[in-house]
């Protein structure tokens, strides 16, 4: 996993909000966009950055693109972060 891309994607509050929205399951791009007061192109850019970082996956169904969390990347990130907690040696 490229941690640089992951942390860059997570640094933006809009992208973090999108990830929170996707906790409940896949959502079409249009529904995600409807939750924000910004252009569709801007939301598309944010989704693209999340996809490049591997945090979300897209699934095309008919005329819609659904986005969903890629839990394996979150699990890997949590595993890496967990090494910084706990007792000091």
Protein backbone atom coordinates (compact mmCIF):
# COMPACT_ATOMS: atom_id res chain seq x y z
CA UNK A 1 0.00 0.00 0.00
CA UNK A 2 1.21 3.52 -0.76
CA UNK A 3 0.86 5.30 2.55
CA UNK A 4 1.64 8.65 0.92
CA UNK A 5 -1.43 8.43 -1.33
CA UNK A 6 -3.55 7.12 1.52
CA UNK A 7 -2.66 9.92 3.92
CA UNK A 8 -3.00 12.54 1.19
CA UNK A 9 -6.51 11.25 0.43
CA UNK A 10 -7.41 11.22 4.13
CA UNK A 11 -6.13 14.76 4.66
CA UNK A 12 -9.15 16.32 2.93
CA UNK A 13 -12.32 16.78 5.02
CA UNK A 14 -14.64 16.21 2.04
CA UNK A 15 -13.00 12.87 1.31
CA UNK A 16 -13.22 11.86 4.96
CA UNK A 17 -16.94 12.73 4.90
CA UNK A 18 -17.42 10.58 1.79
CA UNK A 19 -15.72 7.66 3.54
CA UNK A 20 -18.03 8.09 6.54
CA UNK A 21 -21.03 8.04 4.21
CA UNK A 22 -19.81 4.80 2.64
CA UNK A 23 -19.63 3.01 6.00
CA UNK A 24 -23.29 2.08 5.55
CA UNK A 25 -22.69 0.41 2.20
CA UNK A 26 -22.24 1.23 -1.48
CA UNK A 27 -23.66 4.46 -2.84
CA UNK A 28 -24.07 5.78 -6.37
CA UNK A 29 -21.95 8.80 -7.29
CA UNK A 30 -25.04 10.97 -7.77
CA UNK A 31 -26.28 10.28 -4.26
CA UNK A 32 -22.86 11.09 -2.82
CA UNK A 33 -22.77 14.35 -4.81
CA UNK A 34 -26.25 15.33 -3.59
CA UNK A 35 -24.93 15.55 -0.02
CA UNK A 36 -22.51 18.36 -0.89
CA UNK A 37 -22.86 21.87 -2.25
CA UNK A 38 -20.22 21.54 -4.95
CA UNK A 39 -20.09 20.64 -8.61
CA UNK A 40 -20.28 17.09 -9.85
CA UNK A 41 -16.80 17.52 -11.30
CA UNK A 42 -15.42 18.39 -7.86
CA UNK A 43 -17.04 15.32 -6.28
CA UNK A 44 -15.73 13.22 -9.16
CA UNK A 45 -12.22 14.51 -8.40
CA UNK A 46 -12.55 13.57 -4.71
CA UNK A 47 -13.85 10.10 -5.60
CA UNK A 48 -10.97 9.69 -8.03
CA UNK A 49 -8.44 10.55 -5.32
CA UNK A 50 -10.03 8.04 -2.94
CA UNK A 51 -9.96 5.41 -5.66
CA UNK A 52 -6.29 6.10 -6.50
CA UNK A 53 -5.45 5.68 -2.82
CA UNK A 54 -7.28 2.34 -2.81
CA UNK A 55 -9.72 3.50 -0.14
CA UNK A 56 -12.78 2.99 -2.33
CA UNK A 57 -13.70 0.72 -5.20
CA UNK A 58 -16.19 1.42 -7.94
CA UNK A 59 -18.73 -0.94 -9.40
CA UNK A 60 -20.63 -0.05 -12.56
CA UNK A 61 -24.25 -1.18 -12.70
CA UNK A 62 -26.23 -0.13 -15.75
CA UNK A 63 -26.04 3.68 -15.90
CA UNK A 64 -24.72 4.13 -12.36
CA UNK A 65 -21.33 3.92 -10.71
CA UNK A 66 -21.49 2.71 -7.12
CA UNK A 67 -18.67 3.41 -4.69
CA UNK A 68 -17.86 1.29 -1.67
CA UNK A 69 -15.16 1.14 0.99
CA UNK A 70 -12.17 -1.07 0.37
CA UNK A 71 -11.91 -2.54 3.86
CA UNK A 72 -8.62 -4.35 3.21
CA UNK A 73 -6.78 -1.02 2.88
CA UNK A 74 -8.30 0.19 6.15
CA UNK A 75 -7.29 -3.05 7.87
CA UNK A 76 -3.71 -2.69 6.61
CA UNK A 77 -3.61 0.94 7.73
CA UNK A 78 -4.94 0.05 11.19
CA UNK A 79 -2.39 -2.74 11.53
CA UNK A 80 0.41 -0.34 10.65
CA UNK A 81 -0.88 2.34 13.05
CA UNK A 82 -1.29 -0.14 15.90
CA UNK A 83 2.46 -0.54 16.18
CA UNK A 84 2.64 2.97 17.66
CA UNK A 85 0.31 2.24 20.59
CA UNK A 86 0.80 0.30 23.76
CA UNK A 87 3.84 -0.08 25.94
CA UNK A 88 7.21 1.40 25.09
CA UNK A 89 10.18 -0.89 24.92
